[in-house]
Amino acid sequence: MTPQQPIANEIASRDLRAAVVQPDADLVSAHVAVFRSRLRDVVSSGVLHLTVDLAGVRLVDSSGIGLLVAAHNSLKKSGGELAVIHASQDILDLLRTMRIHQHFSVSGN
């Protein structure tokens, strides 16, 4: 049985400068490579305002945090921004403990 692969469902705004992606699996080392590739595609398409919707995510490990920080850094270089929404209370607590919320917007359910 293969683990569930994260798939990002993109919803772009009218000006194609903003997008919402929603991983369908946890942001852990086993799934990060697929989601990283998808985020690169979205950012390289010219999106400057990226929102990651964590409604379907239960776990985030150090690889997932690294992915979010890397996405933030890439967007910031281009004058863009990253936001994380619908994080569970546990994920929200983790991101706040690590002070990630001081670098980009993080909100819970």
PDB file of N, CA and C in Angstrom:
ATOM      1  N   MET A   1       0.840  -1.178   0.000  1.00  0.00           N
ATOM      2  CA  MET A   1       0.000   0.000   0.000  1.00  0.00           C
ATOM      3  C   MET A   1       0.884   1.239   0.000  1.00  0.00           C
ATOM      4  N   THR A   2       0.692   2.134  -0.947  1.00  0.00           N
ATOM      5  CA  THR A   2       1.507   3.341  -1.027  1.00  0.00           C
ATOM      6  C   THR A   2       0.881   4.441  -0.197  1.00  0.00           C
ATOM      7  N   PRO A   3       1.725   5.296   0.408  1.00  0.00           N
ATOM      8  CA  PRO A   3       1.177   6.389   1.206  1.00  0.00           C
ATOM      9  C   PRO A   3       0.479   7.401   0.313  1.00  0.00           C
ATOM     10  N   GLN A   4      -0.466   8.093   0.893  1.00  0.00           N
ATOM     11  CA  GLN A   4      -1.208   9.117   0.174  1.00  0.00           C
ATOM     12  C   GLN A   4      -0.251  10.231  -0.216  1.00  0.00           C
ATOM     13  N   GLN A   5      -0.281  10.624  -1.467  1.00  0.00           N
ATOM     14  CA  GLN A   5       0.564  11.698  -1.959  1.00  0.00           C
ATOM     15  C   GLN A   5      -0.190  13.017  -1.862  1.00  0.00           C
ATOM     16  N   PRO A   6       0.478  14.091  -1.399  1.00  0.00           N
ATOM     17  CA  PRO A   6      -0.202  15.369  -1.327  1.00  0.00           C
ATOM     18  C   PRO A   6      -0.418  15.942  -2.724  1.00  0.00           C
ATOM     19  N   ILE A   7      -1.576  16.455  -2.955  1.00  0.00           N
ATOM     20  CA  ILE A   7      -1.904  17.090  -4.223  1.00  0.00           C
ATOM     21  C   ILE A   7      -2.410  18.483  -3.895  1.00  0.00           C
ATOM     22  N   ALA A   8      -1.897  19.451  -4.583  1.00  0.00           N
ATOM     23  CA  ALA A   8      -2.310  20.825  -4.335  1.00  0.00           C
ATOM     24  C   ALA A   8      -3.371  21.210  -5.345  1.00  0.00           C
ATOM     25  N   ASN A   9      -4.523  21.565  -4.880  1.00  0.00           N
ATOM     26  CA  ASN A   9      -5.592  22.042  -5.739  1.00  0.00           C
ATOM     27  C   ASN A   9      -5.501  23.557  -5.791  1.00  0.00           C
ATOM     28  N   GLU A  10      -5.102  24.084  -6.925  1.00  0.00           N
ATOM     29  CA  GLU A  10      -4.879  25.514  -7.057  1.00  0.00           C
ATOM     30  C   GLU A  10      -6.166  26.239  -7.431  1.00  0.00           C
ATOM     31  N   ILE A  11      -6.408  27.334  -6.749  1.00  0.00           N
ATOM     32  CA  ILE A  11      -7.502  28.232  -7.092  1.00  0.00           C
ATOM     33  C   ILE A  11      -6.864  29.599  -7.284  1.00  0.00           C
ATOM     34  N   ALA A  12      -6.755  30.050  -8.508  1.00  0.00           N
ATOM     35  CA  ALA A  12      -6.089  31.326  -8.792  1.00  0.00           C
ATOM     36  C   ALA A  12      -7.099  32.455  -8.823  1.00  0.00           C
ATOM     37  N   SER A  13      -6.639  33.617  -8.407  1.00  0.00           N
ATOM     38  CA  SER A  13      -7.510  34.787  -8.476  1.00  0.00           C
ATOM     39  C   SER A  13      -7.584  35.262  -9.927  1.00  0.00           C
ATOM     40  N   ARG A  14      -8.397  36.260 -10.173  1.00  0.00           N
ATOM     41  CA  ARG A  14      -8.610  36.741 -11.541  1.00  0.00           C
ATOM     42  C   ARG A  14      -7.351  37.284 -12.186  1.00  0.00           C
ATOM     43  N   ASP A  15      -6.464  37.874 -11.384  1.00  0.00           N
ATOM     44  CA  ASP A  15      -5.271  38.464 -11.989  1.00  0.00           C
ATOM     45  C   ASP A  15      -4.096  37.482 -12.018  1.00  0.00           C
ATOM     46  N   LEU A  16      -4.315  36.279 -11.595  1.00  0.00           N
ATOM     47  CA  LEU A  16      -3.307  35.207 -11.593  1.00  0.00           C
ATOM     48  C   LEU A  16      -2.074  35.549 -10.759  1.00  0.00           C
ATOM     49  N   ARG A  17      -2.180  36.522  -9.895  1.00  0.00           N
ATOM     50  CA  ARG A  17      -1.082  36.879  -9.002  1.00  0.00           C
ATOM     51  C   ARG A  17      -1.239  36.242  -7.628  1.00  0.00           C
ATOM     52  N   ALA A  18      -2.383  35.606  -7.377  1.00  0.00           N
ATOM     53  CA  ALA A  18      -2.649  34.987  -6.083  1.00  0.00           C
ATOM     54  C   ALA A  18      -3.175  33.576  -6.302  1.00  0.00           C
ATOM     55  N   ALA A  19      -2.824  32.698  -5.380  1.00  0.00           N
ATOM     56  CA  ALA A  19      -3.297  31.316  -5.479  1.00  0.00           C
ATOM     57  C   ALA A  19      -3.453  30.743  -4.081  1.00  0.00           C
ATOM     58  N   VAL A  20      -4.350  29.780  -3.985  1.00  0.00           N
ATOM     59  CA  VAL A  20      -4.548  29.013  -2.757  1.00  0.00           C
ATOM     60  C   VAL A  20      -4.223  27.568  -3.096  1.00  0.00           C
ATOM     61  N   VAL A  21      -3.349  26.963  -2.304  1.00  0.00           N
ATOM     62  CA  VAL A  21      -3.047  25.546  -2.490  1.00  0.00           C
ATOM     63  C   VAL A  21      -3.419  24.809  -1.215  1.00  0.00           C
ATOM     64  N   GLN A  22      -3.928  23.614  -1.389  1.00  0.00           N
ATOM     65  CA  GLN A  22      -4.378  22.825  -0.247  1.00  0.00           C
ATOM     66  C   GLN A  22      -3.808  21.415  -0.354  1.00  0.00           C
ATOM     67  N   PRO A  23      -2.798  21.107   0.473  1.00  0.00           N
ATOM     68  CA  PRO A  23      -2.273  19.743   0.455  1.00  0.00           C
ATOM     69  C   PRO A  23      -3.326  18.772   0.980  1.00  0.00           C
ATOM     70  N   ASP A  24      -3.397  17.608   0.352  1.00  0.00           N
ATOM     71  CA  ASP A  24      -4.362  16.591   0.754  1.00  0.00           C
ATOM     72  C   ASP A  24      -3.782  15.586   1.740  1.00  0.00           C
ATOM     73  N   ALA A  25      -2.535  15.794   2.131  1.00  0.00           N
ATOM     74  CA  ALA A  25      -1.880  14.884   3.072  1.00  0.00           C
ATOM     75  C   ALA A  25      -1.022  15.704   4.018  1.00  0.00           C
ATOM     76  N   ASP A  26      -0.521  15.067   5.048  1.00  0.00           N
ATOM     77  CA  ASP A  26       0.330  15.730   6.031  1.00  0.00           C
ATOM     78  C   ASP A  26       1.617  16.236   5.383  1.00  0.00           C
ATOM     79  N   LEU A  27       2.133  17.345   5.906  1.00  0.00           N
ATOM     80  CA  LEU A  27       3.394  17.899   5.414  1.00  0.00           C
ATOM     81  C   LEU A  27       4.536  17.289   6.225  1.00  0.00           C
ATOM     82  N   VAL A  28       4.845  16.054   5.879  1.00  0.00           N
ATOM     83  CA  VAL A  28       5.916  15.299   6.532  1.00  0.00           C
ATOM     84  C   VAL A  28       6.904  14.849   5.461  1.00  0.00           C
ATOM     85  N   SER A  29       8.072  14.421   5.886  1.00  0.00           N
ATOM     86  CA  SER A  29       9.154  14.120   4.947  1.00  0.00           C
ATOM     87  C   SER A  29       8.743  13.170   3.831  1.00  0.00           C
ATOM     88  N   ALA A  30       7.865  12.240   4.095  1.00  0.00           N
ATOM     89  CA  ALA A  30       7.445  11.273   3.077  1.00  0.00           C
ATOM     90  C   ALA A  30       6.642  11.922   1.947  1.00  0.00           C
ATOM     91  N   HIS A  31       6.055  13.097   2.177  1.00  0.00           N
ATOM     92  CA  HIS A  31       5.190  13.732   1.189  1.00  0.00           C
ATOM     93  C   HIS A  31       5.689  15.076   0.694  1.00  0.00           C
ATOM     94  N   VAL A  32       6.716  15.615   1.311  1.00  0.00           N
ATOM     95  CA  VAL A  32       7.133  16.986   1.026  1.00  0.00           C
ATOM     96  C   VAL A  32       7.639  17.171  -0.404  1.00  0.00           C
ATOM     97  N   ALA A  33       8.330  16.205  -0.960  1.00  0.00           N
ATOM     98  CA  ALA A  33       8.912  16.376  -2.299  1.00  0.00           C
ATOM     99  C   ALA A  33       7.846  16.685  -3.348  1.00  0.00           C
ATOM    100  N   VAL A  34       6.736  15.989  -3.305  1.00  0.00           N
ATOM    101  CA  VAL A  34       5.662  16.213  -4.274  1.00  0.00           C
ATOM    102  C   VAL A  34       5.063  17.602  -4.088  1.00  0.00           C
ATOM    103  N   PHE A  35       4.814  17.981  -2.853  1.00  0.00           N
ATOM    104  CA  PHE A  35       4.215  19.286  -2.595  1.00  0.00           C
ATOM    105  C   PHE A  35       5.201  20.406  -2.921  1.00  0.00           C
ATOM    106  N   ARG A  36       6.497  20.206  -2.656  1.00  0.00           N
ATOM    107  CA  ARG A  36       7.522  21.204  -2.993  1.00  0.00           C
ATOM    108  C   ARG A  36       7.513  21.472  -4.499  1.00  0.00           C
ATOM    109  N   SER A  37       7.446  20.421  -5.279  1.00  0.00           N
ATOM    110  CA  SER A  37       7.417  20.560  -6.736  1.00  0.00           C
ATOM    111  C   SER A  37       6.199  21.372  -7.174  1.00  0.00           C
ATOM    112  N   ARG A  38       5.072  21.097  -6.574  1.00  0.00           N
ATOM    113  CA  ARG A  38       3.838  21.822  -6.913  1.00  0.00           C
ATOM    114  C   ARG A  38       3.942  23.291  -6.535  1.00  0.00           C
ATOM    115  N   LEU A  39       4.504  23.578  -5.360  1.00  0.00           N
ATOM    116  CA  LEU A  39       4.662  24.970  -4.946  1.00  0.00           C
ATOM    117  C   LEU A  39       5.614  25.712  -5.885  1.00  0.00           C
ATOM    118  N   ARG A  40       6.689  25.046  -6.305  1.00  0.00           N
ATOM    119  CA  ARG A  40       7.623  25.674  -7.255  1.00  0.00           C
ATOM    120  C   ARG A  40       6.904  26.042  -8.542  1.00  0.00           C
ATOM    121  N   ASP A  41       6.065  25.132  -9.038  1.00  0.00           N
ATOM    122  CA  ASP A  41       5.310  25.402 -10.264  1.00  0.00           C
ATOM    123  C   ASP A  41       4.417  26.628 -10.088  1.00  0.00           C
ATOM    124  N   VAL A  42       3.745  26.706  -8.954  1.00  0.00           N
ATOM    125  CA  VAL A  42       2.836  27.826  -8.699  1.00  0.00           C
ATOM    126  C   VAL A  42       3.617  29.134  -8.617  1.00  0.00           C
ATOM    127  N   VAL A  43       4.710  29.148  -7.868  1.00  0.00           N
ATOM    128  CA  VAL A  43       5.502  30.374  -7.697  1.00  0.00           C
ATOM    129  C   VAL A  43       6.148  30.782  -9.020  1.00  0.00           C
ATOM    130  N   SER A  44       6.661  29.821  -9.769  1.00  0.00           N
ATOM    131  CA  SER A  44       7.314  30.158 -11.047  1.00  0.00           C
ATOM    132  C   SER A  44       6.321  30.645 -12.096  1.00  0.00           C
ATOM    133  N   SER A  45       5.035  30.402 -11.892  1.00  0.00           N
ATOM    134  CA  SER A  45       4.015  30.883 -12.825  1.00  0.00           C
ATOM    135  C   SER A  45       3.707  32.368 -12.630  1.00  0.00           C
ATOM    136  N   GLY A  46       4.345  32.992 -11.647  1.00  0.00           N
ATOM    137  CA  GLY A  46       4.151  34.423 -11.423  1.00  0.00           C
ATOM    138  C   GLY A  46       3.286  34.769 -10.226  1.00  0.00           C
ATOM    139  N   VAL A  47       2.841  33.772  -9.494  1.00  0.00           N
ATOM    140  CA  VAL A  47       2.037  34.033  -8.297  1.00  0.00           C
ATOM    141  C   VAL A  47       2.908  34.742  -7.261  1.00  0.00           C
ATOM    142  N   LEU A  48       2.382  35.818  -6.702  1.00  0.00           N
ATOM    143  CA  LEU A  48       3.098  36.573  -5.669  1.00  0.00           C
ATOM    144  C   LEU A  48       2.472  36.414  -4.293  1.00  0.00           C
ATOM    145  N   HIS A  49       1.203  36.096  -4.247  1.00  0.00           N
ATOM    146  CA  HIS A  49       0.496  35.959  -2.983  1.00  0.00           C
ATOM    147  C   HIS A  49      -0.032  34.530  -2.896  1.00  0.00           C
ATOM    148  N   LEU A  50       0.671  33.731  -2.119  1.00  0.00           N
ATOM    149  CA  LEU A  50       0.341  32.309  -2.011  1.00  0.00           C
ATOM    150  C   LEU A  50      -0.228  32.016  -0.633  1.00  0.00           C
ATOM    151  N   THR A  51      -1.384  31.368  -0.620  1.00  0.00           N
ATOM    152  CA  THR A  51      -2.005  30.932   0.621  1.00  0.00           C
ATOM    153  C   THR A  51      -1.995  29.415   0.648  1.00  0.00           C
ATOM    154  N   VAL A  52      -1.468  28.852   1.727  1.00  0.00           N
ATOM    155  CA  VAL A  52      -1.474  27.402   1.922  1.00  0.00           C
ATOM    156  C   VAL A  52      -2.565  27.095   2.934  1.00  0.00           C
ATOM    157  N   ASP A  53      -3.562  26.361   2.492  1.00  0.00           N
ATOM    158  CA  ASP A  53      -4.711  25.997   3.317  1.00  0.00           C
ATOM    159  C   ASP A  53      -4.451  24.620   3.929  1.00  0.00           C
ATOM    160  N   LEU A  54      -4.250  24.596   5.232  1.00  0.00           N
ATOM    161  CA  LEU A  54      -3.908  23.352   5.930  1.00  0.00           C
ATOM    162  C   LEU A  54      -5.126  22.631   6.513  1.00  0.00           C
ATOM    163  N   ALA A  55      -6.297  22.878   5.973  1.00  0.00           N
ATOM    164  CA  ALA A  55      -7.511  22.259   6.508  1.00  0.00           C
ATOM    165  C   ALA A  55      -7.427  20.735   6.528  1.00  0.00           C
ATOM    166  N   GLY A  56      -6.783  20.127   5.549  1.00  0.00           N
ATOM    167  CA  GLY A  56      -6.688  18.672   5.487  1.00  0.00           C
ATOM    168  C   GLY A  56      -5.415  18.096   6.070  1.00  0.00           C
ATOM    169  N   VAL A  57      -4.632  18.922   6.749  1.00  0.00           N
ATOM    170  CA  VAL A  57      -3.329  18.504   7.277  1.00  0.00           C
ATOM    171  C   VAL A  57      -3.417  18.306   8.786  1.00  0.00           C
ATOM    172  N   ARG A  58      -2.967  17.134   9.243  1.00  0.00           N
ATOM    173  CA  ARG A  58      -2.964  16.855  10.675  1.00  0.00           C
ATOM    174  C   ARG A  58      -1.574  16.988  11.291  1.00  0.00           C
ATOM    175  N   LEU A  59      -0.528  16.738  10.489  1.00  0.00           N
ATOM    176  CA  LEU A  59       0.842  16.757  10.996  1.00  0.00           C
ATOM    177  C   LEU A  59       1.758  17.577  10.101  1.00  0.00           C
ATOM    178  N   VAL A  60       2.685  18.281  10.724  1.00  0.00           N
ATOM    179  CA  VAL A  60       3.749  18.980  10.015  1.00  0.00           C
ATOM    180  C   VAL A  60       5.030  18.666  10.767  1.00  0.00           C
ATOM    181  N   ASP A  61       6.037  18.130  10.051  1.00  0.00           N
ATOM    182  CA  ASP A  61       7.325  17.867  10.696  1.00  0.00           C
ATOM    183  C   ASP A  61       8.341  18.912  10.238  1.00  0.00           C
ATOM    184  N   SER A  62       9.612  18.711  10.580  1.00  0.00           N
ATOM    185  CA  SER A  62      10.644  19.693  10.245  1.00  0.00           C
ATOM    186  C   SER A  62      10.778  19.890   8.738  1.00  0.00           C
ATOM    187  N   SER A  63      10.542  18.855   7.953  1.00  0.00           N
ATOM    188  CA  SER A  63      10.589  18.985   6.493  1.00  0.00           C
ATOM    189  C   SER A  63       9.461  19.886   6.000  1.00  0.00           C
ATOM    190  N   GLY A  64       8.293  19.734   6.571  1.00  0.00           N
ATOM    191  CA  GLY A  64       7.157  20.577   6.199  1.00  0.00           C
ATOM    192  C   GLY A  64       7.383  22.024   6.582  1.00  0.00           C
ATOM    193  N   ILE A  65       7.948  22.249   7.758  1.00  0.00           N
ATOM    194  CA  ILE A  65       8.261  23.613   8.186  1.00  0.00           C
ATOM    195  C   ILE A  65       9.303  24.218   7.255  1.00  0.00           C
ATOM    196  N   GLY A  66      10.324  23.427   6.919  1.00  0.00           N
ATOM    197  CA  GLY A  66      11.352  23.900   5.982  1.00  0.00           C
ATOM    198  C   GLY A  66      10.762  24.282   4.642  1.00  0.00           C
ATOM    199  N   LEU A  67       9.798  23.504   4.175  1.00  0.00           N
ATOM    200  CA  LEU A  67       9.130  23.799   2.909  1.00  0.00           C
ATOM    201  C   LEU A  67       8.381  25.137   2.980  1.00  0.00           C
ATOM    202  N   LEU A  68       7.669  25.361   4.067  1.00  0.00           N
ATOM    203  CA  LEU A  68       6.932  26.624   4.222  1.00  0.00           C
ATOM    204  C   LEU A  68       7.885  27.813   4.286  1.00  0.00           C
ATOM    205  N   VAL A  69       8.988  27.660   5.009  1.00  0.00           N
ATOM    206  CA  VAL A  69       9.974  28.748   5.112  1.00  0.00           C
ATOM    207  C   VAL A  69      10.618  29.013   3.756  1.00  0.00           C
ATOM    208  N   ALA A  70      10.943  27.957   3.011  1.00  0.00           N
ATOM    209  CA  ALA A  70      11.541  28.122   1.682  1.00  0.00           C
ATOM    210  C   ALA A  70      10.562  28.825   0.733  1.00  0.00           C
ATOM    211  N   ALA A  71       9.290  28.457   0.803  1.00  0.00           N
ATOM    212  CA  ALA A  71       8.281  29.112  -0.033  1.00  0.00           C
ATOM    213  C   ALA A  71       8.177  30.588   0.324  1.00  0.00           C
ATOM    214  N   HIS A  72       8.172  30.881   1.606  1.00  0.00           N
ATOM    215  CA  HIS A  72       8.134  32.274   2.071  1.00  0.00           C
ATOM    216  C   HIS A  72       9.328  33.053   1.522  1.00  0.00           C
ATOM    217  N   ASN A  73      10.522  32.472   1.636  1.00  0.00           N
ATOM    218  CA  ASN A  73      11.736  33.150   1.174  1.00  0.00           C
ATOM    219  C   ASN A  73      11.699  33.403  -0.334  1.00  0.00           C
ATOM    220  N   SER A  74      11.236  32.423  -1.101  1.00  0.00           N
ATOM    221  CA  SER A  74      11.138  32.591  -2.561  1.00  0.00           C
ATOM    222  C   SER A  74      10.168  33.699  -2.923  1.00  0.00           C
ATOM    223  N   LEU A  75       9.024  33.702  -2.272  1.00  0.00           N
ATOM    224  CA  LEU A  75       8.024  34.732  -2.547  1.00  0.00           C
ATOM    225  C   LEU A  75       8.515  36.113  -2.136  1.00  0.00           C
ATOM    226  N   LYS A  76       9.169  36.186  -0.996  1.00  0.00           N
ATOM    227  CA  LYS A  76       9.657  37.467  -0.488  1.00  0.00           C
ATOM    228  C   LYS A  76      10.670  38.085  -1.450  1.00  0.00           C
ATOM    229  N   LYS A  77      11.535  37.260  -2.051  1.00  0.00           N
ATOM    230  CA  LYS A  77      12.523  37.754  -3.021  1.00  0.00           C
ATOM    231  C   LYS A  77      11.853  38.405  -4.224  1.00  0.00           C
ATOM    232  N   SER A  78      10.651  37.940  -4.555  1.00  0.00           N
ATOM    233  CA  SER A  78       9.913  38.461  -5.702  1.00  0.00           C
ATOM    234  C   SER A  78       8.931  39.558  -5.316  1.00  0.00           C
ATOM    235  N   GLY A  79       8.940  39.949  -4.050  1.00  0.00           N
ATOM    236  CA  GLY A  79       8.015  40.973  -3.583  1.00  0.00           C
ATOM    237  C   GLY A  79       6.660  40.413  -3.192  1.00  0.00           C
ATOM    238  N   GLY A  80       6.587  39.109  -3.002  1.00  0.00           N
ATOM    239  CA  GLY A  80       5.325  38.465  -2.653  1.00  0.00           C
ATOM    240  C   GLY A  80       5.237  38.106  -1.190  1.00  0.00           C
ATOM    241  N   GLU A  81       4.224  37.296  -0.881  1.00  0.00           N
ATOM    242  CA  GLU A  81       4.021  36.904   0.509  1.00  0.00           C
ATOM    243  C   GLU A  81       3.339  35.542   0.585  1.00  0.00           C
ATOM    244  N   LEU A  82       3.573  34.888   1.707  1.00  0.00           N
ATOM    245  CA  LEU A  82       2.968  33.589   2.000  1.00  0.00           C
ATOM    246  C   LEU A  82       2.043  33.750   3.196  1.00  0.00           C
ATOM    247  N   ALA A  83       0.933  33.039   3.167  1.00  0.00           N
ATOM    248  CA  ALA A  83       0.027  32.970   4.307  1.00  0.00           C
ATOM    249  C   ALA A  83      -0.382  31.518   4.499  1.00  0.00           C
ATOM    250  N   VAL A  84      -0.510  31.119   5.745  1.00  0.00           N
ATOM    251  CA  VAL A  84      -0.987  29.779   6.085  1.00  0.00           C
ATOM    252  C   VAL A  84      -2.316  29.956   6.808  1.00  0.00           C
ATOM    253  N   ILE A  85      -3.338  29.226   6.339  1.00  0.00           N
ATOM    254  CA  ILE A  85      -4.656  29.326   6.949  1.00  0.00           C
ATOM    255  C   ILE A  85      -5.160  27.945   7.351  1.00  0.00           C
ATOM    256  N   HIS A  86      -6.155  27.938   8.207  1.00  0.00           N
ATOM    257  CA  HIS A  86      -6.843  26.722   8.661  1.00  0.00           C
ATOM    258  C   HIS A  86      -5.911  25.690   9.290  1.00  0.00           C
ATOM    259  N   ALA A  87      -4.881  26.162   9.969  1.00  0.00           N
ATOM    260  CA  ALA A  87      -3.990  25.247  10.697  1.00  0.00           C
ATOM    261  C   ALA A  87      -4.719  24.732  11.937  1.00  0.00           C
ATOM    262  N   SER A  88      -4.535  23.449  12.243  1.00  0.00           N
ATOM    263  CA  SER A  88      -5.122  22.898  13.469  1.00  0.00           C
ATOM    264  C   SER A  88      -4.473  23.585  14.667  1.00  0.00           C
ATOM    265  N   GLN A  89      -5.069  23.442  15.819  1.00  0.00           N
ATOM    266  CA  GLN A  89      -4.514  24.077  17.013  1.00  0.00           C
ATOM    267  C   GLN A  89      -3.108  23.575  17.303  1.00  0.00           C
ATOM    268  N   ASP A  90      -2.859  22.279  17.130  1.00  0.00           N
ATOM    269  CA  ASP A  90      -1.519  21.730  17.364  1.00  0.00           C
ATOM    270  C   ASP A  90      -0.494  22.326  16.408  1.00  0.00           C
ATOM    271  N   ILE A  91      -0.848  22.425  15.129  1.00  0.00           N
ATOM    272  CA  ILE A  91       0.069  22.995  14.137  1.00  0.00           C
ATOM    273  C   ILE A  91       0.265  24.481  14.405  1.00  0.00           C
ATOM    274  N   LEU A  92      -0.804  25.165  14.736  1.00  0.00           N
ATOM    275  CA  LEU A  92      -0.723  26.586  15.064  1.00  0.00           C
ATOM    276  C   LEU A  92       0.198  26.810  16.260  1.00  0.00           C
ATOM    277  N   ASP A  93       0.054  25.997  17.290  1.00  0.00           N
ATOM    278  CA  ASP A  93       0.924  26.105  18.471  1.00  0.00           C
ATOM    279  C   ASP A  93       2.383  25.868  18.092  1.00  0.00           C
ATOM    280  N   LEU A  94       2.633  24.867  17.252  1.00  0.00           N
ATOM    281  CA  LEU A  94       4.000  24.565  16.811  1.00  0.00           C
ATOM    282  C   LEU A  94       4.598  25.752  16.057  1.00  0.00           C
ATOM    283  N   LEU A  95       3.863  26.284  15.096  1.00  0.00           N
ATOM    284  CA  LEU A  95       4.369  27.396  14.299  1.00  0.00           C
ATOM    285  C   LEU A  95       4.595  28.643  15.148  1.00  0.00           C
ATOM    286  N   ARG A  96       3.739  28.861  16.130  1.00  0.00           N
ATOM    287  CA  ARG A  96       3.924  30.019  17.017  1.00  0.00           C
ATOM    288  C   ARG A  96       5.091  29.810  17.964  1.00  0.00           C
ATOM    289  N   THR A  97       5.254  28.591  18.464  1.00  0.00           N
ATOM    290  CA  THR A  97       6.392  28.291  19.338  1.00  0.00           C
ATOM    291  C   THR A  97       7.707  28.533  18.604  1.00  0.00           C
ATOM    292  N   MET A  98       7.726  28.182  17.323  1.00  0.00           N
ATOM    293  CA  MET A  98       8.925  28.376  16.509  1.00  0.00           C
ATOM    294  C   MET A  98       9.024  29.798  15.960  1.00  0.00           C
ATOM    295  N   ARG A  99       8.056  30.626  16.301  1.00  0.00           N
ATOM    296  CA  ARG A  99       7.992  32.032  15.889  1.00  0.00           C
ATOM    297  C   ARG A  99       7.895  32.220  14.375  1.00  0.00           C
ATOM    298  N   ILE A 100       7.359  31.227  13.707  1.00  0.00           N
ATOM    299  CA  ILE A 100       7.148  31.300  12.266  1.00  0.00           C
ATOM    300  C   ILE A 100       6.172  32.434  11.937  1.00  0.00           C
ATOM    301  N   HIS A 101       5.208  32.653  12.825  1.00  0.00           N
ATOM    302  CA  HIS A 101       4.200  33.688  12.595  1.00  0.00           C
ATOM    303  C   HIS A 101       4.793  35.091  12.535  1.00  0.00           C
ATOM    304  N   GLN A 102       6.054  35.243  12.935  1.00  0.00           N
ATOM    305  CA  GLN A 102       6.696  36.545  12.836  1.00  0.00           C
ATOM    306  C   GLN A 102       7.224  36.809  11.426  1.00  0.00           C
ATOM    307  N   HIS A 103       7.239  35.765  10.598  1.00  0.00           N
ATOM    308  CA  HIS A 103       7.751  35.889   9.242  1.00  0.00           C
ATOM    309  C   HIS A 103       6.652  35.920   8.191  1.00  0.00           C
ATOM    310  N   PHE A 104       5.574  35.175   8.427  1.00  0.00           N
ATOM    311  CA  PHE A 104       4.431  35.206   7.523  1.00  0.00           C
ATOM    312  C   PHE A 104       3.169  34.911   8.316  1.00  0.00           C
ATOM    313  N   SER A 105       2.045  35.258   7.720  1.00  0.00           N
ATOM    314  CA  SER A 105       0.756  35.131   8.386  1.00  0.00           C
ATOM    315  C   SER A 105       0.371  33.663   8.605  1.00  0.00           C
ATOM    316  N   VAL A 106      -0.029  33.361   9.836  1.00  0.00           N
ATOM    317  CA  VAL A 106      -0.452  31.998  10.200  1.00  0.00           C
ATOM    318  C   VAL A 106      -1.759  32.125  10.980  1.00  0.00           C
ATOM    319  N   SER A 107      -2.781  31.395  10.534  1.00  0.00           N
ATOM    320  CA  SER A 107      -4.050  31.424  11.263  1.00  0.00           C
ATOM    321  C   SER A 107      -4.630  30.038  11.381  1.00  0.00           C
ATOM    322  N   GLY A 108      -5.493  29.871  12.377  1.00  0.00           N
ATOM    323  CA  GLY A 108      -6.085  28.581  12.668  1.00  0.00           C
ATOM    324  C   GLY A 108      -7.476  28.420  12.087  1.00  0.00           C
ATOM    325  N   ASN A 109      -8.119  27.356  12.547  1.00  0.00           N
ATOM    326  CA  ASN A 109      -9.464  27.033  12.047  1.00  0.00           C
ATOM    327  C   ASN A 109     -10.478  28.086  12.386  1.00  0.00           C
TER     328      ASN A 109
END
